[in-house]
């Protein structure tokens, strides 16, 4: 006779806990929800506009990386 599914699942969860893991529940956006694609598009356009507006950011990041390289990179 086979073990009921709930007992097998519990046994697996107990083994995972014994190995130092714990369960975590993660909620993600529902991609099937009406308006999801429109909201993605809206946010992408905002990011693109902000990126295009950050003309000095590349120079700042390059200078920061160069500065880091002087002290920490071999």
PDB file of N, CA and C in Angstrom:
ATOM      1  N   UNK A   1       0.837  -1.181   0.000  1.00  0.00           N
ATOM      2  CA  UNK A   1       0.000   0.000   0.000  1.00  0.00           C
ATOM      3  C   UNK A   1       0.878   1.239   0.000  1.00  0.00           C
ATOM      4  N   UNK A   2       0.549   2.228  -0.831  1.00  0.00           N
ATOM      5  CA  UNK A   2       1.370   3.425  -0.932  1.00  0.00           C
ATOM      6  C   UNK A   2       1.026   4.426   0.172  1.00  0.00           C
ATOM      7  N   UNK A   3       1.990   5.276   0.462  1.00  0.00           N
ATOM      8  CA  UNK A   3       1.801   6.314   1.474  1.00  0.00           C
ATOM      9  C   UNK A   3       0.922   7.427   0.913  1.00  0.00           C
ATOM     10  N   UNK A   4      -0.058   7.905   1.690  1.00  0.00           N
ATOM     11  CA  UNK A   4      -0.887   9.014   1.204  1.00  0.00           C
ATOM     12  C   UNK A   4      -0.018  10.236   0.868  1.00  0.00           C
ATOM     13  N   UNK A   5      -0.457  10.983  -0.105  1.00  0.00           N
ATOM     14  CA  UNK A   5       0.310  12.129  -0.583  1.00  0.00           C
ATOM     15  C   UNK A   5       0.623  13.101   0.556  1.00  0.00           C
ATOM     16  N   UNK A   6      -0.350  13.398   1.389  1.00  0.00           N
ATOM     17  CA  UNK A   6      -0.129  14.367   2.470  1.00  0.00           C
ATOM     18  C   UNK A   6       0.993  13.924   3.413  1.00  0.00           C
ATOM     19  N   UNK A   7       1.106  12.615   3.664  1.00  0.00           N
ATOM     20  CA  UNK A   7       2.186  12.120   4.524  1.00  0.00           C
ATOM     21  C   UNK A   7       3.535  12.237   3.839  1.00  0.00           C
ATOM     22  N   UNK A   8       3.576  11.956   2.535  1.00  0.00           N
ATOM     23  CA  UNK A   8       4.840  12.098   1.788  1.00  0.00           C
ATOM     24  C   UNK A   8       5.277  13.556   1.756  1.00  0.00           C
ATOM     25  N   UNK A   9       4.327  14.443   1.534  1.00  0.00           N
ATOM     26  CA  UNK A   9       4.647  15.879   1.497  1.00  0.00           C
ATOM     27  C   UNK A   9       5.161  16.326   2.855  1.00  0.00           C
ATOM     28  N   UNK A  10       4.493  15.911   3.923  1.00  0.00           N
ATOM     29  CA  UNK A  10       4.930  16.294   5.265  1.00  0.00           C
ATOM     30  C   UNK A  10       6.316  15.752   5.575  1.00  0.00           C
ATOM     31  N   UNK A  11       6.583  14.514   5.150  1.00  0.00           N
ATOM     32  CA  UNK A  11       7.898  13.910   5.371  1.00  0.00           C
ATOM     33  C   UNK A  11       8.972  14.724   4.639  1.00  0.00           C
ATOM     34  N   UNK A  12       8.674  15.117   3.412  1.00  0.00           N
ATOM     35  CA  UNK A  12       9.638  15.921   2.633  1.00  0.00           C
ATOM     36  C   UNK A  12       9.862  17.276   3.286  1.00  0.00           C
ATOM     37  N   UNK A  13       8.787  17.917   3.743  1.00  0.00           N
ATOM     38  CA  UNK A  13       8.916  19.221   4.413  1.00  0.00           C
ATOM     39  C   UNK A  13       9.720  19.087   5.698  1.00  0.00           C
ATOM     40  N   UNK A  14       9.476  18.040   6.447  1.00  0.00           N
ATOM     41  CA  UNK A  14      10.237  17.825   7.678  1.00  0.00           C
ATOM     42  C   UNK A  14      11.718  17.639   7.372  1.00  0.00           C
ATOM     43  N   UNK A  15      12.025  16.894   6.315  1.00  0.00           N
ATOM     44  CA  UNK A  15      13.423  16.685   5.930  1.00  0.00           C
ATOM     45  C   UNK A  15      14.083  17.993   5.529  1.00  0.00           C
ATOM     46  N   UNK A  16      13.361  18.821   4.802  1.00  0.00           N
ATOM     47  CA  UNK A  16      13.913  20.112   4.408  1.00  0.00           C
ATOM     48  C   UNK A  16      14.165  21.000   5.629  1.00  0.00           C
ATOM     49  N   UNK A  17      13.233  20.998   6.562  1.00  0.00           N
ATOM     50  CA  UNK A  17      13.414  21.776   7.791  1.00  0.00           C
ATOM     51  C   UNK A  17      14.621  21.262   8.580  1.00  0.00           C
ATOM     52  N   UNK A  18      14.763  19.967   8.651  1.00  0.00           N
ATOM     53  CA  UNK A  18      15.896  19.376   9.372  1.00  0.00           C
ATOM     54  C   UNK A  18      17.238  19.758   8.736  1.00  0.00           C
ATOM     55  N   UNK A  19      17.216  20.027   7.440  1.00  0.00           N
ATOM     56  CA  UNK A  19      18.458  20.425   6.765  1.00  0.00           C
ATOM     57  C   UNK A  19      18.703  21.929   6.859  1.00  0.00           C
ATOM     58  N   UNK A  20      17.845  22.631   7.631  1.00  0.00           N
ATOM     59  CA  UNK A  20      18.084  24.056   7.867  1.00  0.00           C
ATOM     60  C   UNK A  20      17.294  24.988   6.973  1.00  0.00           C
ATOM     61  N   UNK A  21      16.372  24.462   6.204  1.00  0.00           N
ATOM     62  CA  UNK A  21      15.574  25.310   5.319  1.00  0.00           C
ATOM     63  C   UNK A  21      14.221  25.607   5.957  1.00  0.00           C
ATOM     64  N   UNK A  22      13.591  26.668   5.491  1.00  0.00           N
ATOM     65  CA  UNK A  22      12.248  26.973   5.951  1.00  0.00           C
ATOM     66  C   UNK A  22      11.398  27.399   4.772  1.00  0.00           C
ATOM     67  N   UNK A  23      10.104  27.165   4.832  1.00  0.00           N
ATOM     68  CA  UNK A  23       9.232  27.537   3.713  1.00  0.00           C
ATOM     69  C   UNK A  23       9.019  29.048   3.652  1.00  0.00           C
ATOM     70  N   UNK A  24       8.901  29.546   2.438  1.00  0.00           N
ATOM     71  CA  UNK A  24       8.641  30.959   2.198  1.00  0.00           C
ATOM     72  C   UNK A  24       7.556  31.049   1.139  1.00  0.00           C
ATOM     73  N   UNK A  25       6.585  31.908   1.376  1.00  0.00           N
ATOM     74  CA  UNK A  25       5.520  32.107   0.394  1.00  0.00           C
ATOM     75  C   UNK A  25       5.840  33.368  -0.401  1.00  0.00           C
ATOM     76  N   UNK A  26       5.775  33.280  -1.720  1.00  0.00           N
ATOM     77  CA  UNK A  26       6.084  34.406  -2.599  1.00  0.00           C
ATOM     78  C   UNK A  26       4.863  34.725  -3.444  1.00  0.00           C
ATOM     79  N   UNK A  27       4.470  35.980  -3.431  1.00  0.00           N
ATOM     80  CA  UNK A  27       3.359  36.446  -4.256  1.00  0.00           C
ATOM     81  C   UNK A  27       3.928  37.174  -5.463  1.00  0.00           C
ATOM     82  N   UNK A  28       3.426  36.863  -6.632  1.00  0.00           N
ATOM     83  CA  UNK A  28       3.891  37.495  -7.865  1.00  0.00           C
ATOM     84  C   UNK A  28       2.704  38.117  -8.595  1.00  0.00           C
ATOM     85  N   UNK A  29       2.972  39.091  -9.462  1.00  0.00           N
ATOM     86  CA  UNK A  29       1.874  39.708 -10.214  1.00  0.00           C
ATOM     87  C   UNK A  29       1.149  38.682 -11.088  1.00  0.00           C
ATOM     88  N   UNK A  30      -0.143  38.865 -11.214  1.00  0.00           N
ATOM     89  CA  UNK A  30      -0.965  38.007 -12.069  1.00  0.00           C
ATOM     90  C   UNK A  30      -0.901  38.561 -13.486  1.00  0.00           C
ATOM     91  N   UNK A  31      -0.167  37.893 -14.357  1.00  0.00           N
ATOM     92  CA  UNK A  31       0.017  38.393 -15.721  1.00  0.00           C
ATOM     93  C   UNK A  31      -1.251  38.294 -16.558  1.00  0.00           C
ATOM     94  N   UNK A  32      -2.250  37.586 -16.065  1.00  0.00           N
ATOM     95  CA  UNK A  32      -3.510  37.438 -16.801  1.00  0.00           C
ATOM     96  C   UNK A  32      -4.547  38.492 -16.401  1.00  0.00           C
ATOM     97  N   UNK A  33      -4.206  39.300 -15.424  1.00  0.00           N
ATOM     98  CA  UNK A  33      -5.140  40.316 -14.942  1.00  0.00           C
ATOM     99  C   UNK A  33      -5.317  41.406 -16.009  1.00  0.00           C
ATOM    100  N   UNK A  34      -6.542  41.848 -16.213  1.00  0.00           N
ATOM    101  CA  UNK A  34      -6.765  42.929 -17.188  1.00  0.00           C
ATOM    102  C   UNK A  34      -5.946  44.173 -16.804  1.00  0.00           C
ATOM    103  N   UNK A  35      -5.304  44.757 -17.780  1.00  0.00           N
ATOM    104  CA  UNK A  35      -4.511  45.961 -17.548  1.00  0.00           C
ATOM    105  C   UNK A  35      -3.058  45.695 -17.213  1.00  0.00           C
ATOM    106  N   UNK A  36      -2.689  44.424 -17.028  1.00  0.00           N
ATOM    107  CA  UNK A  36      -1.309  44.104 -16.651  1.00  0.00           C
ATOM    108  C   UNK A  36      -0.321  44.572 -17.728  1.00  0.00           C
ATOM    109  N   UNK A  37      -0.586  44.249 -18.972  1.00  0.00           N
ATOM    110  CA  UNK A  37       0.320  44.628 -20.065  1.00  0.00           C
ATOM    111  C   UNK A  37       0.407  46.144 -20.190  1.00  0.00           C
ATOM    112  N   UNK A  38      -0.716  46.827 -20.037  1.00  0.00           N
ATOM    113  CA  UNK A  38      -0.715  48.293 -20.113  1.00  0.00           C
ATOM    114  C   UNK A  38       0.134  48.896 -18.995  1.00  0.00           C
ATOM    115  N   UNK A  39       0.022  48.337 -17.801  1.00  0.00           N
ATOM    116  CA  UNK A  39       0.824  48.840 -16.675  1.00  0.00           C
ATOM    117  C   UNK A  39       2.308  48.572 -16.899  1.00  0.00           C
ATOM    118  N   UNK A  40       2.650  47.411 -17.442  1.00  0.00           N
ATOM    119  CA  UNK A  40       4.049  47.113 -17.777  1.00  0.00           C
ATOM    120  C   UNK A  40       4.589  48.119 -18.783  1.00  0.00           C
ATOM    121  N   UNK A  41       3.796  48.380 -19.803  1.00  0.00           N
ATOM    122  CA  UNK A  41       4.187  49.343 -20.832  1.00  0.00           C
ATOM    123  C   UNK A  41       4.394  50.729 -20.228  1.00  0.00           C
ATOM    124  N   UNK A  42       3.465  51.154 -19.353  1.00  0.00           N
ATOM    125  CA  UNK A  42       3.555  52.472 -18.724  1.00  0.00           C
ATOM    126  C   UNK A  42       4.844  52.585 -17.900  1.00  0.00           C
ATOM    127  N   UNK A  43       5.131  51.562 -17.113  1.00  0.00           N
ATOM    128  CA  UNK A  43       6.337  51.595 -16.289  1.00  0.00           C
ATOM    129  C   UNK A  43       7.608  51.544 -17.133  1.00  0.00           C
ATOM    130  N   UNK A  44       7.589  50.767 -18.199  1.00  0.00           N
ATOM    131  CA  UNK A  44       8.753  50.690 -19.082  1.00  0.00           C
ATOM    132  C   UNK A  44       9.038  52.034 -19.729  1.00  0.00           C
ATOM    133  N   UNK A  45       7.979  52.742 -20.126  1.00  0.00           N
ATOM    134  CA  UNK A  45       8.162  54.069 -20.718  1.00  0.00           C
ATOM    135  C   UNK A  45       8.731  55.050 -19.695  1.00  0.00           C
ATOM    136  N   UNK A  46       8.292  54.954 -18.450  1.00  0.00           N
ATOM    137  CA  UNK A  46       8.842  55.813 -17.400  1.00  0.00           C
ATOM    138  C   UNK A  46      10.333  55.541 -17.185  1.00  0.00           C
ATOM    139  N   UNK A  47      10.698  54.273 -17.165  1.00  0.00           N
ATOM    140  CA  UNK A  47      12.105  53.910 -16.983  1.00  0.00           C
ATOM    141  C   UNK A  47      12.935  54.392 -18.166  1.00  0.00           C
ATOM    142  N   UNK A  48      12.418  54.207 -19.374  1.00  0.00           N
ATOM    143  CA  UNK A  48      13.146  54.649 -20.573  1.00  0.00           C
ATOM    144  C   UNK A  48      13.337  56.153 -20.563  1.00  0.00           C
ATOM    145  N   UNK A  49      12.305  56.893 -20.165  1.00  0.00           N
ATOM    146  CA  UNK A  49      12.409  58.356 -20.111  1.00  0.00           C
ATOM    147  C   UNK A  49      13.428  58.780 -19.060  1.00  0.00           C
ATOM    148  N   UNK A  50      13.417  58.126 -17.904  1.00  0.00           N
ATOM    149  CA  UNK A  50      14.376  58.456 -16.854  1.00  0.00           C
ATOM    150  C   UNK A  50      15.790  58.123 -17.295  1.00  0.00           C
ATOM    151  N   UNK A  51      15.953  57.020 -18.005  1.00  0.00           N
ATOM    152  CA  UNK A  51      17.268  56.614 -18.489  1.00  0.00           C
ATOM    153  C   UNK A  51      17.796  57.611 -19.513  1.00  0.00           C
ATOM    154  N   UNK A  52      16.932  58.054 -20.407  1.00  0.00           N
ATOM    155  CA  UNK A  52      17.347  59.024 -21.421  1.00  0.00           C
ATOM    156  C   UNK A  52      17.683  60.369 -20.796  1.00  0.00           C
ATOM    157  N   UNK A  53      17.088  60.660 -19.666  1.00  0.00           N
ATOM    158  CA  UNK A  53      17.280  61.942 -18.992  1.00  0.00           C
ATOM    159  C   UNK A  53      18.526  61.956 -18.107  1.00  0.00           C
ATOM    160  N   UNK A  54      19.148  60.805 -17.886  1.00  0.00           N
ATOM    161  CA  UNK A  54      20.288  60.696 -16.981  1.00  0.00           C
ATOM    162  C   UNK A  54      21.601  60.749 -17.749  1.00  0.00           C
ATOM    163  N   UNK A  55      21.837  61.871 -18.439  1.00  0.00           N
ATOM    164  CA  UNK A  55      23.025  61.975 -19.286  1.00  0.00           C
ATOM    165  C   UNK A  55      24.329  61.904 -18.507  1.00  0.00           C
ATOM    166  N   UNK A  56      24.357  62.411 -17.300  1.00  0.00           N
ATOM    167  CA  UNK A  56      25.586  62.392 -16.520  1.00  0.00           C
ATOM    168  C   UNK A  56      25.805  61.105 -15.750  1.00  0.00           C
ATOM    169  N   UNK A  57      24.822  60.226 -15.730  1.00  0.00           N
ATOM    170  CA  UNK A  57      24.930  59.008 -14.940  1.00  0.00           C
ATOM    171  C   UNK A  57      26.059  58.107 -15.429  1.00  0.00           C
ATOM    172  N   UNK A  58      26.200  57.938 -16.734  1.00  0.00           N
ATOM    173  CA  UNK A  58      27.272  57.093 -17.261  1.00  0.00           C
ATOM    174  C   UNK A  58      28.645  57.609 -16.837  1.00  0.00           C
ATOM    175  N   UNK A  59      28.833  58.924 -16.931  1.00  0.00           N
ATOM    176  CA  UNK A  59      30.126  59.502 -16.528  1.00  0.00           C
ATOM    177  C   UNK A  59      30.370  59.281 -15.035  1.00  0.00           C
ATOM    178  N   UNK A  60      29.324  59.462 -14.228  1.00  0.00           N
ATOM    179  CA  UNK A  60      29.441  59.250 -12.789  1.00  0.00           C
ATOM    180  C   UNK A  60      29.804  57.798 -12.472  1.00  0.00           C
ATOM    181  N   UNK A  61      29.113  56.852 -13.097  1.00  0.00           N
ATOM    182  CA  UNK A  61      29.374  55.437 -12.841  1.00  0.00           C
ATOM    183  C   UNK A  61      30.767  55.031 -13.301  1.00  0.00           C
ATOM    184  N   UNK A  62      31.191  55.523 -14.457  1.00  0.00           N
ATOM    185  CA  UNK A  62      32.545  55.214 -14.940  1.00  0.00           C
ATOM    186  C   UNK A  62      33.599  55.767 -13.989  1.00  0.00           C
ATOM    187  N   UNK A  63      33.408  57.001 -13.508  1.00  0.00           N
ATOM    188  CA  UNK A  63      34.356  57.595 -12.568  1.00  0.00           C
ATOM    189  C   UNK A  63      34.380  56.818 -11.258  1.00  0.00           C
ATOM    190  N   UNK A  64      33.216  56.394 -10.778  1.00  0.00           N
ATOM    191  CA  UNK A  64      33.153  55.620  -9.534  1.00  0.00           C
ATOM    192  C   UNK A  64      33.860  54.280  -9.705  1.00  0.00           C
ATOM    193  N   UNK A  65      33.641  53.635 -10.837  1.00  0.00           N
ATOM    194  CA  UNK A  65      34.287  52.353 -11.091  1.00  0.00           C
ATOM    195  C   UNK A  65      35.800  52.520 -11.195  1.00  0.00           C
ATOM    196  N   UNK A  66      36.224  53.576 -11.855  1.00  0.00           N
ATOM    197  CA  UNK A  66      37.656  53.844 -11.973  1.00  0.00           C
ATOM    198  C   UNK A  66      38.260  54.101 -10.596  1.00  0.00           C
ATOM    199  N   UNK A  67      37.549  54.861  -9.771  1.00  0.00           N
ATOM    200  CA  UNK A  67      38.024  55.153  -8.428  1.00  0.00           C
ATOM    201  C   UNK A  67      38.123  53.884  -7.592  1.00  0.00           C
ATOM    202  N   UNK A  68      37.145  53.001  -7.708  1.00  0.00           N
ATOM    203  CA  UNK A  68      37.193  51.729  -6.990  1.00  0.00           C
ATOM    204  C   UNK A  68      38.392  50.895  -7.440  1.00  0.00           C
ATOM    205  N   UNK A  69      38.665  50.934  -8.733  1.00  0.00           N
ATOM    206  CA  UNK A  69      39.749  50.133  -9.277  1.00  0.00           C
ATOM    207  C   UNK A  69      41.109  50.511  -8.736  1.00  0.00           C
ATOM    208  N   UNK A  70      41.256  51.756  -8.337  1.00  0.00           N
ATOM    209  CA  UNK A  70      42.556  52.204  -7.824  1.00  0.00           C
ATOM    210  C   UNK A  70      42.908  51.537  -6.513  1.00  0.00           C
ATOM    211  N   UNK A  71      41.910  51.241  -5.680  1.00  0.00           N
ATOM    212  CA  UNK A  71      42.196  50.732  -4.354  1.00  0.00           C
ATOM    213  C   UNK A  71      41.923  49.254  -4.156  1.00  0.00           C
ATOM    214  N   UNK A  72      40.963  48.720  -4.880  1.00  0.00           N
ATOM    215  CA  UNK A  72      40.518  47.358  -4.552  1.00  0.00           C
ATOM    216  C   UNK A  72      40.807  46.315  -5.602  1.00  0.00           C
ATOM    217  N   UNK A  73      40.956  46.682  -6.841  1.00  0.00           N
ATOM    218  CA  UNK A  73      41.162  45.688  -7.896  1.00  0.00           C
ATOM    219  C   UNK A  73      42.644  45.464  -8.101  1.00  0.00           C
ATOM    220  N   UNK A  74      42.997  44.245  -8.326  1.00  0.00           N
ATOM    221  CA  UNK A  74      44.404  43.910  -8.557  1.00  0.00           C
ATOM    222  C   UNK A  74      44.635  43.643 -10.004  1.00  0.00           C
TER     223      UNK A  74
END
